[in-house]
Amino acid sequence: MFKLPLSGDVVQSIYPSFFSPTGSQFGLVNITVGQSSAPEVERDVLSDVGSYGRQIGQIADALLVVIEHLEADSDGTLKRDQAIKDFKTMLHAVAKVKKGHGREARRPRD
């Protein structure tokens, strides 16, 4: 068997949803990520408020502020908690990626 470069096996399901009698989307390729009990609300939030990444980033930034405030008032229990350590490690990794793209990111205090 002979294959040209970049011509490996590709499996892609293309379902022309405009042929669907119940479909509300128009296009040859539509991507749905998960199920939602209110897809129109989800669509509007994503288009008008912020992407999943933006929403999660803002939640992570706010949670970090709360964690660091609690750490300042605690006996050190939070600093020893593995979940908090993992969360801070993840935020450092996200900040590194953002920096590589010229974006600012909140980093945890160590």
Protein backbone atom coordinates (compact mmCIF):
# COMPACT_ATOMS: atom_id res chain seq x y z
CA MET A 1 0.00 0.00 0.00
CA PHE A 2 1.34 3.42 -0.95
CA LYS A 3 0.40 6.61 0.93
CA LEU A 4 1.41 10.17 0.28
CA PRO A 5 2.76 12.30 3.15
CA LEU A 6 0.05 13.45 5.55
CA SER A 7 -2.38 10.97 3.99
CA GLY A 8 -2.78 8.59 6.92
CA ASP A 9 -6.05 6.99 7.83
CA VAL A 10 -8.66 9.57 8.77
CA VAL A 11 -12.01 8.67 10.20
CA GLN A 12 -14.49 11.50 10.33
CA SER A 13 -18.21 11.33 10.56
CA ILE A 14 -19.74 14.09 8.52
CA TYR A 15 -23.44 14.36 9.04
CA PRO A 16 -25.16 17.02 7.00
CA SER A 17 -27.49 18.31 9.69
CA PHE A 18 -29.42 20.48 7.27
CA PHE A 19 -31.01 17.24 6.05
CA SER A 20 -32.22 16.49 9.57
CA PRO A 21 -35.92 17.18 10.10
CA THR A 22 -35.29 18.02 13.76
CA GLY A 23 -31.92 19.76 13.49
CA SER A 24 -31.67 23.42 14.38
CA GLN A 25 -28.14 23.86 13.04
CA PHE A 26 -27.20 24.49 9.45
CA GLY A 27 -23.93 23.31 8.03
CA LEU A 28 -22.03 20.29 6.86
CA VAL A 29 -19.98 19.92 10.01
CA ASN A 30 -21.39 20.76 13.44
CA ILE A 31 -19.55 20.04 16.67
CA THR A 32 -21.46 19.43 19.87
CA VAL A 33 -19.52 19.20 23.10
CA GLY A 34 -21.57 17.35 25.67
CA GLN A 35 -25.25 17.54 26.47
CA SER A 36 -27.00 20.50 28.01
CA SER A 37 -30.45 20.79 29.51
CA ALA A 38 -30.65 24.30 28.04
CA PRO A 39 -28.49 24.43 24.88
CA GLU A 40 -29.76 27.86 23.89
CA VAL A 41 -28.63 29.30 27.24
CA GLU A 42 -25.25 27.61 26.89
CA ARG A 43 -24.85 28.96 23.35
CA ASP A 44 -25.71 32.50 24.48
CA VAL A 45 -23.36 32.34 27.48
CA LEU A 46 -20.51 31.14 25.26
CA SER A 47 -21.13 33.81 22.65
CA ASP A 48 -22.02 36.74 24.95
CA VAL A 49 -20.20 36.09 28.24
CA GLY A 50 -17.07 34.07 27.63
CA SER A 51 -15.59 30.82 26.42
CA TYR A 52 -15.19 27.85 28.72
CA GLY A 53 -11.52 28.71 29.09
CA ARG A 54 -12.27 32.30 30.08
CA GLN A 55 -14.92 31.19 32.58
CA ILE A 56 -12.68 28.54 34.14
CA GLY A 57 -9.76 30.98 34.23
CA GLN A 58 -11.76 33.58 36.13
CA ILE A 59 -13.06 30.95 38.55
CA ALA A 60 -9.50 29.68 39.11
CA ASP A 61 -8.21 33.23 39.72
CA ALA A 62 -10.99 33.90 42.26
CA LEU A 63 -10.41 30.55 43.98
CA LEU A 64 -6.70 31.28 44.24
CA VAL A 65 -7.44 34.59 46.00
CA VAL A 66 -9.65 32.74 48.51
CA ILE A 67 -7.04 30.01 49.05
CA GLU A 68 -4.23 32.50 49.60
CA HIS A 69 -6.39 34.51 52.01
CA LEU A 70 -7.24 31.37 53.98
CA GLU A 71 -3.60 30.25 53.97
CA ALA A 72 -2.55 33.55 55.51
CA ASP A 73 -5.01 33.00 58.37
CA SER A 74 -4.44 29.26 58.85
CA ASP A 75 -2.00 27.02 60.64
CA GLY A 76 -0.53 25.72 57.36
CA THR A 77 -3.03 22.92 56.80
CA LEU A 78 -4.01 24.22 53.36
CA LYS A 79 -0.38 24.43 52.22
CA ARG A 80 0.03 20.73 53.03
CA ASP A 81 -3.17 19.63 51.27
CA GLN A 82 -2.39 17.69 48.08
CA ALA A 83 -5.42 19.06 46.22
CA ILE A 84 -4.25 22.63 46.87
CA LYS A 85 -0.71 21.73 45.77
CA ASP A 86 -2.07 20.15 42.57
CA PHE A 87 -4.27 23.19 41.91
CA LYS A 88 -1.30 25.55 42.28
CA THR A 89 0.86 23.33 40.05
CA MET A 90 -1.86 23.47 37.40
CA LEU A 91 -2.09 27.27 37.66
CA HIS A 92 1.69 27.54 37.24
CA ALA A 93 1.46 25.37 34.10
CA VAL A 94 -1.40 27.49 32.72
CA ALA A 95 0.56 30.67 33.43
CA LYS A 96 3.56 29.25 31.57
CA VAL A 97 1.43 28.51 28.50
CA LYS A 98 -0.19 31.96 28.67
CA LYS A 99 3.22 33.62 28.96
CA GLY A 100 4.34 31.72 25.85
CA HIS A 101 1.45 33.38 24.02
CA GLY A 102 2.19 36.83 25.43
CA ARG A 103 -0.77 36.78 27.84
CA GLU A 104 -0.75 37.69 31.52
CA ALA A 105 -1.72 35.13 34.14
CA ARG A 106 -2.10 35.05 37.90
CA ARG A 107 0.50 32.82 39.55
CA PRO A 108 0.16 31.34 43.01
CA ARG A 109 2.42 32.58 45.77
CA ASP A 110 4.63 29.75 46.92
